[in-house]
Amino acid sequence: MLQDKARQLGITSSDIASALNSTVGGSTITQVRDATYLINVVARSREAERGSIGTLQNMQLPTGTGEAIPLAAVANFRYELEQPTVWRRDRIPTITVRAGLVGDVLPATVVNEVKPSVDAFIAKLPPGYSIATAGSVEESANSQGPIAAVVPLMLFIMATILMVQLQSFQRLFLVVAVAPLGLIGVVAALVPSGAPLGFVAILGVLALIGILIRNSVILIVQIEDLVNEGKDRWAAVIEATEHRMRPIALTAAAASLALIPIAREVFWGPMAYAMMGGIIAGTAITLLFLPALYVTWFRIKEPKGTPENEESANGGDEVPIRSVA
């Protein structure tokens, strides 16, 4: 294009681009309504004219003085080969192969299944060529990376807070030992529902760990409070479990019922199923397994019955007999 001549005539590159776009690509002149949607009406030249150099040469461009000149006055036209668009990844020319999934199979599962064949193909590539997995699998890995990076810090902070609360490594172990067992409920909920263990499900598992640890801490603290009040450890374990069973169970039921509305969602469904299954199973494990583990760990034995208990068990209430001389 002859830039100097175009400037002398008062024609800018934007004017030329707009004229070309109107002729070749088309421009929206109005809209029509189709049911609930608005459809653009695009005006452009006929297909035969769009591919003709003569049409472009005779295209009239308005000037600043109100006159019109042909595009051929400020541009040269010729046929030549043009390089195709080159897609790049990390500034390296790339060929992208795309595929769509049919059914409920996860992308990560497909990638793992074809990995042996891909590795064999990579081994035959010339030097300087490589294959990288992108798409949803790469995005999922990028999303999980920041979470995995802060997990050690998260565990350290949790252990520190629990240690301040419990003030015992043994009780800390008991509390932490219950949390992984919640995965039983996670698996039991995800497998029948067919929900994937993806990024949002992992977020649900992390939240689930906090809920189970909280319930365990409440139960352990209640046992220790009863022991400090002078109760026998065996009786303290039974009384604390019975006393805390209703609040813990009601809290678990409320949390599970609150997740039902989002269980049908495509994005949030896996998290809802993971949390519901983990909360239900984890609550049962907390109320049944944790007291048994506490008794076993501290070697607490069931106390033998006292004489009063034996008399009450054998004869019940006795009526004293009084002799009168």
C-alpha atoms as a PDB file:
ATOM      1  CA  MET A   1       0.000   0.000   0.000  1.00  0.00           C
ATOM      2  CA  LEU A   2       1.238   3.472  -0.885  1.00  0.00           C
ATOM      3  CA  GLN A   3       1.126   5.151   2.526  1.00  0.00           C
ATOM      4  CA  ASP A   4       2.444   8.540   1.373  1.00  0.00           C
ATOM      5  CA  LYS A   5      -0.109   8.875  -1.406  1.00  0.00           C
ATOM      6  CA  ALA A   6      -2.929   7.741   0.882  1.00  0.00           C
ATOM      7  CA  ARG A   7      -2.017  10.397   3.466  1.00  0.00           C
ATOM      8  CA  GLN A   8      -1.954  13.064   0.766  1.00  0.00           C
ATOM      9  CA  LEU A   9      -5.490  12.106  -0.216  1.00  0.00           C
ATOM     10  CA  GLY A  10      -6.654  12.108   3.411  1.00  0.00           C
ATOM     11  CA  ILE A  11      -7.151   8.331   3.616  1.00  0.00           C
ATOM     12  CA  THR A  12      -5.991   6.421   6.706  1.00  0.00           C
ATOM     13  CA  SER A  13      -5.190   2.746   7.150  1.00  0.00           C
ATOM     14  CA  SER A  14      -8.293   2.473   9.337  1.00  0.00           C
ATOM     15  CA  ASP A  15     -10.490   3.713   6.473  1.00  0.00           C
ATOM     16  CA  ILE A  16      -9.036   1.121   4.113  1.00  0.00           C
ATOM     17  CA  ALA A  17      -9.420  -1.679   6.701  1.00  0.00           C
ATOM     18  CA  SER A  18     -13.054  -0.749   7.317  1.00  0.00           C
ATOM     19  CA  ALA A  19     -13.844  -0.755   3.606  1.00  0.00           C
ATOM     20  CA  LEU A  20     -12.171  -4.110   3.072  1.00  0.00           C
ATOM     21  CA  ASN A  21     -13.921  -5.597   6.096  1.00  0.00           C
ATOM     22  CA  SER A  22     -17.323  -4.407   4.837  1.00  0.00           C
ATOM     23  CA  THR A  23     -16.760  -5.981   1.438  1.00  0.00           C
ATOM     24  CA  VAL A  24     -15.010  -9.218   2.399  1.00  0.00           C
ATOM     25  CA  GLY A  25     -16.011  -9.940   5.977  1.00  0.00           C
ATOM     26  CA  GLY A  26     -19.245  -7.982   6.114  1.00  0.00           C
ATOM     27  CA  SER A  27     -20.656  -5.543   8.642  1.00  0.00           C
ATOM     28  CA  THR A  28     -23.776  -5.708  10.821  1.00  0.00           C
ATOM     29  CA  ILE A  29     -26.473  -3.349   9.586  1.00  0.00           C
ATOM     30  CA  THR A  30     -29.411  -4.398  11.789  1.00  0.00           C
ATOM     31  CA  GLN A  31     -30.831  -7.169  13.939  1.00  0.00           C
ATOM     32  CA  VAL A  32     -33.917  -9.357  13.710  1.00  0.00           C
ATOM     33  CA  ARG A  33     -35.571 -11.265  16.536  1.00  0.00           C
ATOM     34  CA  ASP A  34     -35.972 -15.023  16.262  1.00  0.00           C
ATOM     35  CA  ALA A  35     -38.126 -16.157  19.203  1.00  0.00           C
ATOM     36  CA  THR A  36     -36.038 -15.017  22.187  1.00  0.00           C
ATOM     37  CA  TYR A  37     -32.773 -14.393  20.328  1.00  0.00           C
ATOM     38  CA  LEU A  38     -31.470 -11.433  18.324  1.00  0.00           C
ATOM     39  CA  ILE A  39     -29.753 -12.343  15.052  1.00  0.00           C
ATOM     40  CA  ASN A  40     -27.353  -9.966  13.337  1.00  0.00           C
ATOM     41  CA  VAL A  41     -28.006  -9.082   9.694  1.00  0.00           C
ATOM     42  CA  VAL A  42     -24.623  -8.883   7.941  1.00  0.00           C
ATOM     43  CA  ALA A  43     -24.181  -7.131   4.584  1.00  0.00           C
ATOM     44  CA  ARG A  44     -21.246  -8.021   2.345  1.00  0.00           C
ATOM     45  CA  SER A  45     -20.414  -8.609  -1.317  1.00  0.00           C
ATOM     46  CA  ARG A  46     -21.301 -11.765  -3.163  1.00  0.00           C
ATOM     47  CA  GLU A  47     -18.907 -14.681  -3.002  1.00  0.00           C
ATOM     48  CA  ALA A  48     -17.712 -14.191  -6.604  1.00  0.00           C
ATOM     49  CA  GLU A  49     -16.982 -10.523  -5.953  1.00  0.00           C
ATOM     50  CA  ARG A  50     -15.223 -11.148  -2.647  1.00  0.00           C
ATOM     51  CA  GLY A  51     -12.637 -13.347  -4.334  1.00  0.00           C
ATOM     52  CA  SER A  52     -12.053 -11.047  -7.326  1.00  0.00           C
ATOM     53  CA  ILE A  53      -9.099  -8.660  -7.445  1.00  0.00           C
ATOM     54  CA  GLY A  54     -11.077  -6.455  -9.838  1.00  0.00           C
ATOM     55  CA  THR A  55     -13.688  -5.851  -7.160  1.00  0.00           C
ATOM     56  CA  LEU A  56     -11.009  -4.773  -4.709  1.00  0.00           C
ATOM     57  CA  GLN A  57      -9.295  -2.544  -7.249  1.00  0.00           C
ATOM     58  CA  ASN A  58     -12.524  -0.704  -8.053  1.00  0.00           C
ATOM     59  CA  MET A  59     -13.558  -0.342  -4.404  1.00  0.00           C
ATOM     60  CA  GLN A  60     -14.321   3.340  -3.750  1.00  0.00           C
ATOM     61  CA  LEU A  61     -12.743   5.011  -0.726  1.00  0.00           C
ATOM     62  CA  PRO A  62     -14.133   8.357   0.546  1.00  0.00           C
ATOM     63  CA  THR A  63     -11.573  11.112   0.999  1.00  0.00           C
ATOM     64  CA  GLY A  64     -11.513  14.066   3.351  1.00  0.00           C
ATOM     65  CA  THR A  65     -12.840  16.396   0.592  1.00  0.00           C
ATOM     66  CA  GLY A  66     -15.916  14.252  -0.014  1.00  0.00           C
ATOM     67  CA  GLU A  67     -14.610  12.698  -3.220  1.00  0.00           C
ATOM     68  CA  ALA A  68     -14.169   8.936  -3.768  1.00  0.00           C
ATOM     69  CA  ILE A  69     -11.114   7.263  -5.249  1.00  0.00           C
ATOM     70  CA  PRO A  70     -10.542   3.599  -6.139  1.00  0.00           C
ATOM     71  CA  LEU A  71      -8.486   1.454  -3.826  1.00  0.00           C
ATOM     72  CA  ALA A  72      -6.079   0.756  -6.734  1.00  0.00           C
ATOM     73  CA  ALA A  73      -4.919   4.380  -6.497  1.00  0.00           C
ATOM     74  CA  VAL A  74      -3.273   3.783  -3.124  1.00  0.00           C
ATOM     75  CA  ALA A  75      -2.614   0.031  -3.207  1.00  0.00           C
ATOM     76  CA  ASN A  76      -0.863  -2.517  -5.418  1.00  0.00           C
ATOM     77  CA  PHE A  77      -2.517  -5.880  -6.097  1.00  0.00           C
ATOM     78  CA  ARG A  78      -0.753  -9.134  -6.995  1.00  0.00           C
ATOM     79  CA  TYR A  79      -1.024 -12.851  -6.432  1.00  0.00           C
ATOM     80  CA  GLU A  80       1.503 -14.491  -4.085  1.00  0.00           C
ATOM     81  CA  LEU A  81       1.802 -17.305  -1.536  1.00  0.00           C
ATOM     82  CA  GLU A  82       1.288 -16.498   2.113  1.00  0.00           C
ATOM     83  CA  GLN A  83       2.546 -18.473   5.073  1.00  0.00           C
ATOM     84  CA  PRO A  84      -0.260 -20.123   7.082  1.00  0.00           C
ATOM     85  CA  THR A  85      -0.930 -19.224  10.674  1.00  0.00           C
ATOM     86  CA  VAL A  86       1.670 -20.757  12.998  1.00  0.00           C
ATOM     87  CA  TRP A  87       0.430 -21.663  16.475  1.00  0.00           C
ATOM     88  CA  ARG A  88       3.066 -21.491  19.183  1.00  0.00           C
ATOM     89  CA  ARG A  89       3.408 -22.920  22.673  1.00  0.00           C
ATOM     90  CA  ASP A  90       6.098 -21.385  24.850  1.00  0.00           C
ATOM     91  CA  ARG A  91       7.281 -19.561  21.689  1.00  0.00           C
ATOM     92  CA  ILE A  92       7.845 -22.892  19.895  1.00  0.00           C
ATOM     93  CA  PRO A  93       5.884 -23.793  16.717  1.00  0.00           C
ATOM     94  CA  THR A  94       3.305 -26.368  17.717  1.00  0.00           C
ATOM     95  CA  ILE A  95       0.931 -28.826  16.081  1.00  0.00           C
ATOM     96  CA  THR A  96      -2.163 -29.374  18.226  1.00  0.00           C
ATOM     97  CA  VAL A  97      -4.137 -32.639  18.131  1.00  0.00           C
ATOM     98  CA  ARG A  98      -7.589 -32.398  19.699  1.00  0.00           C
ATOM     99  CA  ALA A  99     -10.044 -35.106  20.705  1.00  0.00           C
ATOM    100  CA  GLY A 100     -13.485 -35.203  22.288  1.00  0.00           C
ATOM    101  CA  LEU A 101     -14.592 -37.644  24.978  1.00  0.00           C
ATOM    102  CA  VAL A 102     -17.736 -39.729  24.741  1.00  0.00           C
ATOM    103  CA  GLY A 103     -19.507 -40.881  27.892  1.00  0.00           C
ATOM    104  CA  ASP A 104     -18.487 -40.354  31.513  1.00  0.00           C
ATOM    105  CA  VAL A 105     -14.799 -41.138  31.048  1.00  0.00           C
ATOM    106  CA  LEU A 106     -12.508 -38.549  32.611  1.00  0.00           C
ATOM    107  CA  PRO A 107      -9.747 -36.920  30.540  1.00  0.00           C
ATOM    108  CA  ALA A 108      -7.122 -37.979  33.085  1.00  0.00           C
ATOM    109  CA  THR A 109      -8.233 -41.608  32.747  1.00  0.00           C
ATOM    110  CA  VAL A 110      -7.893 -41.493  28.957  1.00  0.00           C
ATOM    111  CA  VAL A 111      -4.461 -39.850  29.226  1.00  0.00           C
ATOM    112  CA  ASN A 112      -3.262 -42.613  31.568  1.00  0.00           C
ATOM    113  CA  GLU A 113      -4.583 -45.328  29.240  1.00  0.00           C
ATOM    114  CA  VAL A 114      -2.867 -43.960  26.127  1.00  0.00           C
ATOM    115  CA  LYS A 115       0.335 -42.996  27.967  1.00  0.00           C
ATOM    116  CA  PRO A 116       2.255 -46.201  26.995  1.00  0.00           C
ATOM    117  CA  SER A 117       1.494 -45.643  23.308  1.00  0.00           C
ATOM    118  CA  VAL A 118       2.396 -41.950  23.546  1.00  0.00           C
ATOM    119  CA  ASP A 119       5.682 -42.765  25.298  1.00  0.00           C
ATOM    120  CA  ALA A 120       6.542 -45.242  22.571  1.00  0.00           C
ATOM    121  CA  PHE A 121       5.823 -42.609  19.926  1.00  0.00           C
ATOM    122  CA  ILE A 122       7.939 -40.013  21.774  1.00  0.00           C
ATOM    123  CA  ALA A 123      10.884 -42.407  21.771  1.00  0.00           C
ATOM    124  CA  LYS A 124      10.809 -42.436  17.949  1.00  0.00           C
ATOM    125  CA  LEU A 125      10.724 -38.645  17.519  1.00  0.00           C
ATOM    126  CA  PRO A 126      13.776 -36.853  16.070  1.00  0.00           C
ATOM    127  CA  PRO A 127      15.858 -34.618  18.343  1.00  0.00           C
ATOM    128  CA  GLY A 128      14.200 -31.301  19.098  1.00  0.00           C
ATOM    129  CA  TYR A 129      10.636 -32.651  18.978  1.00  0.00           C
ATOM    130  CA  SER A 130       8.490 -33.293  22.034  1.00  0.00           C
ATOM    131  CA  ILE A 131       4.892 -34.011  23.042  1.00  0.00           C
ATOM    132  CA  ALA A 132       3.048 -32.253  25.877  1.00  0.00           C
ATOM    133  CA  THR A 133      -0.408 -33.000  27.281  1.00  0.00           C
ATOM    134  CA  ALA A 134      -2.596 -29.915  27.472  1.00  0.00           C
ATOM    135  CA  GLY A 135      -6.290 -29.208  27.747  1.00  0.00           C
ATOM    136  CA  SER A 136      -8.324 -29.976  30.856  1.00  0.00           C
ATOM    137  CA  VAL A 137      -5.678 -32.355  32.228  1.00  0.00           C
ATOM    138  CA  GLU A 138      -3.058 -29.614  32.191  1.00  0.00           C
ATOM    139  CA  GLU A 139      -5.478 -27.058  33.662  1.00  0.00           C
ATOM    140  CA  SER A 140      -6.399 -29.466  36.453  1.00  0.00           C
ATOM    141  CA  ALA A 141      -2.730 -30.031  37.271  1.00  0.00           C
ATOM    142  CA  ASN A 142      -2.129 -26.277  37.309  1.00  0.00           C
ATOM    143  CA  SER A 143      -5.058 -25.825  39.693  1.00  0.00           C
ATOM    144  CA  GLN A 144      -3.895 -28.558  42.062  1.00  0.00           C
ATOM    145  CA  GLY A 145      -0.296 -27.359  42.073  1.00  0.00           C
ATOM    146  CA  PRO A 146      -0.855 -24.317  44.346  1.00  0.00           C
ATOM    147  CA  ILE A 147      -2.890 -26.477  46.748  1.00  0.00           C
ATOM    148  CA  ALA A 148      -0.161 -29.114  46.984  1.00  0.00           C
ATOM    149  CA  ALA A 149       2.412 -26.384  47.601  1.00  0.00           C
ATOM    150  CA  VAL A 150       0.660 -25.109  50.756  1.00  0.00           C
ATOM    151  CA  VAL A 151      -0.314 -28.529  52.160  1.00  0.00           C
ATOM    152  CA  PRO A 152       2.847 -28.848  54.339  1.00  0.00           C
ATOM    153  CA  LEU A 153       2.234 -25.404  55.832  1.00  0.00           C
ATOM    154  CA  MET A 154      -1.433 -26.230  56.354  1.00  0.00           C
ATOM    155  CA  LEU A 155      -0.575 -29.467  58.193  1.00  0.00           C
ATOM    156  CA  PHE A 156       1.984 -27.685  60.357  1.00  0.00           C
ATOM    157  CA  ILE A 157      -0.478 -24.975  61.380  1.00  0.00           C
ATOM    158  CA  MET A 158      -3.184 -27.560  62.102  1.00  0.00           C
ATOM    159  CA  ALA A 159      -0.806 -29.650  64.216  1.00  0.00           C
ATOM    160  CA  THR A 160       0.323 -26.566  66.125  1.00  0.00           C
ATOM    161  CA  ILE A 161      -3.242 -25.457  66.912  1.00  0.00           C
ATOM    162  CA  LEU A 162      -4.247 -28.986  67.940  1.00  0.00           C
ATOM    163  CA  MET A 163      -1.183 -29.309  70.125  1.00  0.00           C
ATOM    164  CA  VAL A 164      -2.014 -26.052  71.899  1.00  0.00           C
ATOM    165  CA  GLN A 165      -5.570 -27.294  72.475  1.00  0.00           C
ATOM    166  CA  LEU A 166      -4.828 -30.898  73.460  1.00  0.00           C
ATOM    167  CA  GLN A 167      -1.382 -30.443  75.068  1.00  0.00           C
ATOM    168  CA  SER A 168      -0.492 -34.073  74.444  1.00  0.00           C
ATOM    169  CA  PHE A 169       1.133 -35.924  71.580  1.00  0.00           C
ATOM    170  CA  GLN A 170      -0.918 -39.006  72.361  1.00  0.00           C
ATOM    171  CA  ARG A 171      -4.241 -37.194  72.168  1.00  0.00           C
ATOM    172  CA  LEU A 172      -3.006 -35.420  69.024  1.00  0.00           C
ATOM    173  CA  PHE A 173      -2.351 -38.803  67.434  1.00  0.00           C
ATOM    174  CA  LEU A 174      -5.826 -40.028  68.336  1.00  0.00           C
ATOM    175  CA  VAL A 175      -7.442 -36.981  66.756  1.00  0.00           C
ATOM    176  CA  VAL A 176      -5.398 -37.154  63.545  1.00  0.00           C
ATOM    177  CA  ALA A 177      -5.841 -40.939  63.202  1.00  0.00           C
ATOM    178  CA  VAL A 178      -9.589 -40.577  62.645  1.00  0.00           C
ATOM    179  CA  ALA A 179      -9.400 -38.033  59.781  1.00  0.00           C
ATOM    180  CA  PRO A 180      -8.049 -40.389  57.026  1.00  0.00           C
ATOM    181  CA  LEU A 181     -10.823 -42.888  57.762  1.00  0.00           C
ATOM    182  CA  GLY A 182     -13.304 -40.398  56.332  1.00  0.00           C
ATOM    183  CA  LEU A 183     -12.033 -41.403  52.877  1.00  0.00           C
ATOM    184  CA  ILE A 184     -14.078 -44.577  53.299  1.00  0.00           C
ATOM    185  CA  GLY A 185     -17.240 -42.524  52.993  1.00  0.00           C
ATOM    186  CA  VAL A 186     -15.770 -40.442  50.151  1.00  0.00           C
ATOM    187  CA  VAL A 187     -15.126 -43.540  48.049  1.00  0.00           C
ATOM    188  CA  ALA A 188     -18.472 -45.052  49.000  1.00  0.00           C
ATOM    189  CA  ALA A 189     -20.246 -41.910  47.755  1.00  0.00           C
ATOM    190  CA  LEU A 190     -18.234 -41.196  44.604  1.00  0.00           C
ATOM    191  CA  VAL A 191     -18.245 -44.720  43.152  1.00  0.00           C
ATOM    192  CA  PRO A 192     -22.046 -45.273  42.989  1.00  0.00           C
ATOM    193  CA  SER A 193     -22.718 -41.683  41.885  1.00  0.00           C
ATOM    194  CA  GLY A 194     -20.042 -41.795  39.168  1.00  0.00           C
ATOM    195  CA  ALA A 195     -18.704 -38.399  40.254  1.00  0.00           C
ATOM    196  CA  PRO A 196     -15.010 -37.865  39.450  1.00  0.00           C
ATOM    197  CA  LEU A 197     -12.347 -37.279  42.086  1.00  0.00           C
ATOM    198  CA  GLY A 198     -11.250 -34.009  40.516  1.00  0.00           C
ATOM    199  CA  PHE A 199     -10.259 -30.582  41.722  1.00  0.00           C
ATOM    200  CA  VAL A 200     -13.538 -29.657  43.437  1.00  0.00           C
ATOM    201  CA  ALA A 201     -13.788 -33.100  45.059  1.00  0.00           C
ATOM    202  CA  ILE A 202     -10.323 -32.609  46.532  1.00  0.00           C
ATOM    203  CA  LEU A 203     -11.488 -29.286  47.964  1.00  0.00           C
ATOM    204  CA  GLY A 204     -14.366 -31.156  49.579  1.00  0.00           C
ATOM    205  CA  VAL A 205     -11.956 -33.702  51.079  1.00  0.00           C
ATOM    206  CA  LEU A 206      -9.868 -30.903  52.584  1.00  0.00           C
ATOM    207  CA  ALA A 207     -12.973 -29.374  54.161  1.00  0.00           C
ATOM    208  CA  LEU A 208     -14.018 -32.826  55.350  1.00  0.00           C
ATOM    209  CA  ILE A 209     -10.726 -33.309  57.186  1.00  0.00           C
ATOM    210  CA  GLY A 210     -11.357 -30.141  59.175  1.00  0.00           C
ATOM    211  CA  ILE A 211     -14.886 -31.259  60.116  1.00  0.00           C
ATOM    212  CA  LEU A 212     -13.736 -34.699  61.320  1.00  0.00           C
ATOM    213  CA  ILE A 213     -10.829 -33.277  63.300  1.00  0.00           C
ATOM    214  CA  ARG A 214     -13.183 -30.782  64.975  1.00  0.00           C
ATOM    215  CA  ASN A 215     -15.565 -33.562  66.036  1.00  0.00           C
ATOM    216  CA  SER A 216     -12.668 -35.638  67.355  1.00  0.00           C
ATOM    217  CA  VAL A 217     -11.286 -32.712  69.348  1.00  0.00           C
ATOM    218  CA  ILE A 218     -14.711 -32.045  70.885  1.00  0.00           C
ATOM    219  CA  LEU A 219     -15.016 -35.675  71.988  1.00  0.00           C
ATOM    220  CA  ILE A 220     -11.467 -35.954  73.360  1.00  0.00           C
ATOM    221  CA  VAL A 221     -11.747 -32.664  75.272  1.00  0.00           C
ATOM    222  CA  GLN A 222     -15.053 -33.777  76.775  1.00  0.00           C
ATOM    223  CA  ILE A 223     -13.469 -37.012  77.996  1.00  0.00           C
ATOM    224  CA  GLU A 224     -10.539 -35.159  79.554  1.00  0.00           C
ATOM    225  CA  ASP A 225     -12.857 -32.662  81.260  1.00  0.00           C
ATOM    226  CA  LEU A 226     -14.825 -35.480  82.855  1.00  0.00           C
ATOM    227  CA  VAL A 227     -11.609 -37.162  83.997  1.00  0.00           C
ATOM    228  CA  ASN A 228     -10.420 -33.894  85.552  1.00  0.00           C
ATOM    229  CA  GLU A 229     -13.720 -33.689  87.438  1.00  0.00           C
ATOM    230  CA  GLY A 230     -12.859 -36.978  89.149  1.00  0.00           C
ATOM    231  CA  LYS A 231     -14.726 -39.507  87.046  1.00  0.00           C
ATOM    232  CA  ASP A 232     -13.263 -42.879  86.191  1.00  0.00           C
ATOM    233  CA  ARG A 233     -11.754 -43.001  82.694  1.00  0.00           C
ATOM    234  CA  TRP A 234     -14.034 -45.824  81.580  1.00  0.00           C
ATOM    235  CA  ALA A 235     -17.129 -43.977  82.746  1.00  0.00           C
ATOM    236  CA  ALA A 236     -15.780 -40.719  81.295  1.00  0.00           C
ATOM    237  CA  VAL A 237     -15.410 -42.277  77.826  1.00  0.00           C
ATOM    238  CA  ILE A 238     -18.955 -43.668  77.892  1.00  0.00           C
ATOM    239  CA  GLU A 239     -20.528 -40.513  79.287  1.00  0.00           C
ATOM    240  CA  ALA A 240     -18.661 -38.188  76.884  1.00  0.00           C
ATOM    241  CA  THR A 241     -19.630 -40.303  73.885  1.00  0.00           C
ATOM    242  CA  GLU A 242     -23.284 -40.372  74.902  1.00  0.00           C
ATOM    243  CA  HIS A 243     -23.279 -36.673  75.760  1.00  0.00           C
ATOM    244  CA  ARG A 244     -21.682 -35.554  72.466  1.00  0.00           C
ATOM    245  CA  MET A 245     -23.394 -38.065  70.178  1.00  0.00           C
ATOM    246  CA  ARG A 246     -26.496 -35.952  69.553  1.00  0.00           C
ATOM    247  CA  PRO A 247     -24.746 -32.612  68.801  1.00  0.00           C
ATOM    248  CA  ILE A 248     -22.189 -34.251  66.514  1.00  0.00           C
ATOM    249  CA  ALA A 249     -24.833 -36.318  64.703  1.00  0.00           C
ATOM    250  CA  LEU A 250     -27.162 -33.322  64.248  1.00  0.00           C
ATOM    251  CA  THR A 251     -24.297 -31.188  62.931  1.00  0.00           C
ATOM    252  CA  ALA A 252     -23.353 -33.911  60.443  1.00  0.00           C
ATOM    253  CA  ALA A 253     -26.976 -34.288  59.316  1.00  0.00           C
ATOM    254  CA  ALA A 254     -27.360 -30.546  58.817  1.00  0.00           C
ATOM    255  CA  ALA A 255     -24.140 -30.316  56.804  1.00  0.00           C
ATOM    256  CA  SER A 256     -25.106 -33.291  54.615  1.00  0.00           C
ATOM    257  CA  LEU A 257     -28.630 -32.018  53.928  1.00  0.00           C
ATOM    258  CA  ALA A 258     -27.280 -28.573  53.038  1.00  0.00           C
ATOM    259  CA  LEU A 259     -25.150 -30.128  50.276  1.00  0.00           C
ATOM    260  CA  ILE A 260     -28.060 -31.868  48.536  1.00  0.00           C
ATOM    261  CA  PRO A 261     -29.076 -28.852  46.365  1.00  0.00           C
ATOM    262  CA  ILE A 262     -25.652 -28.671  44.691  1.00  0.00           C
ATOM    263  CA  ALA A 263     -25.237 -32.445  44.349  1.00  0.00           C
ATOM    264  CA  ARG A 264     -26.955 -32.344  40.936  1.00  0.00           C
ATOM    265  CA  GLU A 265     -24.645 -29.643  39.599  1.00  0.00           C
ATOM    266  CA  VAL A 266     -22.005 -30.712  37.084  1.00  0.00           C
ATOM    267  CA  PHE A 267     -19.245 -28.606  38.619  1.00  0.00           C
ATOM    268  CA  TRP A 268     -20.056 -28.765  42.363  1.00  0.00           C
ATOM    269  CA  GLY A 269     -21.579 -32.249  42.378  1.00  0.00           C
ATOM    270  CA  PRO A 270     -18.316 -34.187  43.050  1.00  0.00           C
ATOM    271  CA  MET A 271     -17.548 -31.971  46.051  1.00  0.00           C
ATOM    272  CA  ALA A 272     -21.050 -32.440  47.440  1.00  0.00           C
ATOM    273  CA  TYR A 273     -20.925 -36.235  47.112  1.00  0.00           C
ATOM    274  CA  ALA A 274     -17.429 -36.407  48.609  1.00  0.00           C
ATOM    275  CA  MET A 275     -18.400 -34.288  51.614  1.00  0.00           C
ATOM    276  CA  MET A 276     -21.736 -36.009  52.214  1.00  0.00           C
ATOM    277  CA  GLY A 277     -20.243 -39.495  52.135  1.00  0.00           C
ATOM    278  CA  GLY A 278     -17.241 -38.470  54.199  1.00  0.00           C
ATOM    279  CA  ILE A 279     -19.307 -36.620  56.820  1.00  0.00           C
ATOM    280  CA  ILE A 280     -21.749 -39.491  57.314  1.00  0.00           C
ATOM    281  CA  ALA A 281     -19.076 -42.192  57.502  1.00  0.00           C
ATOM    282  CA  GLY A 282     -16.654 -40.002  59.431  1.00  0.00           C
ATOM    283  CA  THR A 283     -19.256 -39.132  62.063  1.00  0.00           C
ATOM    284  CA  ALA A 284     -20.032 -42.803  62.646  1.00  0.00           C
ATOM    285  CA  ILE A 285     -16.327 -43.573  62.844  1.00  0.00           C
ATOM    286  CA  THR A 286     -15.756 -40.706  65.291  1.00  0.00           C
ATOM    287  CA  LEU A 287     -18.511 -41.887  67.628  1.00  0.00           C
ATOM    288  CA  LEU A 288     -17.637 -45.593  67.451  1.00  0.00           C
ATOM    289  CA  PHE A 289     -13.984 -45.979  66.530  1.00  0.00           C
ATOM    290  CA  LEU A 290     -12.469 -43.042  68.430  1.00  0.00           C
ATOM    291  CA  PRO A 291     -13.763 -44.086  71.902  1.00  0.00           C
ATOM    292  CA  ALA A 292     -12.561 -47.641  71.259  1.00  0.00           C
ATOM    293  CA  LEU A 293      -9.188 -46.341  70.098  1.00  0.00           C
ATOM    294  CA  TYR A 294      -8.963 -44.103  73.186  1.00  0.00           C
ATOM    295  CA  VAL A 295      -9.670 -47.032  75.502  1.00  0.00           C
ATOM    296  CA  THR A 296      -7.180 -49.256  73.690  1.00  0.00           C
ATOM    297  CA  TRP A 297      -4.442 -46.633  73.468  1.00  0.00           C
ATOM    298  CA  PHE A 298      -4.537 -45.729  77.172  1.00  0.00           C
ATOM    299  CA  ARG A 299      -5.219 -49.357  78.198  1.00  0.00           C
ATOM    300  CA  ILE A 300      -8.350 -48.497  80.086  1.00  0.00           C
ATOM    301  CA  LYS A 301     -10.073 -51.526  81.548  1.00  0.00           C
ATOM    302  CA  GLU A 302     -13.682 -51.835  82.568  1.00  0.00           C
ATOM    303  CA  PRO A 303     -13.915 -51.484  86.352  1.00  0.00           C
ATOM    304  CA  LYS A 304     -15.242 -54.430  88.339  1.00  0.00           C
ATOM    305  CA  GLY A 305     -18.619 -54.075  90.032  1.00  0.00           C
ATOM    306  CA  THR A 306     -18.676 -52.723  93.587  1.00  0.00           C
ATOM    307  CA  PRO A 307     -20.429 -54.622  96.403  1.00  0.00           C
ATOM    308  CA  GLU A 308     -23.346 -52.189  96.262  1.00  0.00           C
ATOM    309  CA  ASN A 309     -23.733 -52.862  92.578  1.00  0.00           C
ATOM    310  CA  GLU A 310     -23.577 -56.604  93.145  1.00  0.00           C
ATOM    311  CA  GLU A 311     -26.275 -56.486  95.814  1.00  0.00           C
ATOM    312  CA  SER A 312     -28.436 -54.309  93.597  1.00  0.00           C
ATOM    313  CA  ALA A 313     -27.910 -56.656  90.683  1.00  0.00           C
ATOM    314  CA  ASN A 314     -28.602 -59.840  92.687  1.00  0.00           C
ATOM    315  CA  GLY A 315     -31.373 -58.952  95.098  1.00  0.00           C
ATOM    316  CA  GLY A 316     -32.633 -55.541  94.166  1.00  0.00           C
ATOM    317  CA  ASP A 317     -34.068 -53.418  96.993  1.00  0.00           C
ATOM    318  CA  GLU A 318     -34.148 -55.205 100.364  1.00  0.00           C
ATOM    319  CA  VAL A 319     -36.746 -54.510 103.065  1.00  0.00           C
ATOM    320  CA  PRO A 320     -35.204 -54.540 106.560  1.00  0.00           C
ATOM    321  CA  ILE A 321     -36.902 -56.905 109.075  1.00  0.00           C
ATOM    322  CA  ARG A 322     -37.132 -55.777 112.628  1.00  0.00           C
ATOM    323  CA  SER A 323     -37.884 -58.130 115.469  1.00  0.00           C
ATOM    324  CA  VAL A 324     -39.852 -57.017 118.465  1.00  0.00           C
ATOM    325  CA  ALA A 325     -39.261 -58.847 121.744  1.00  0.00           C
END
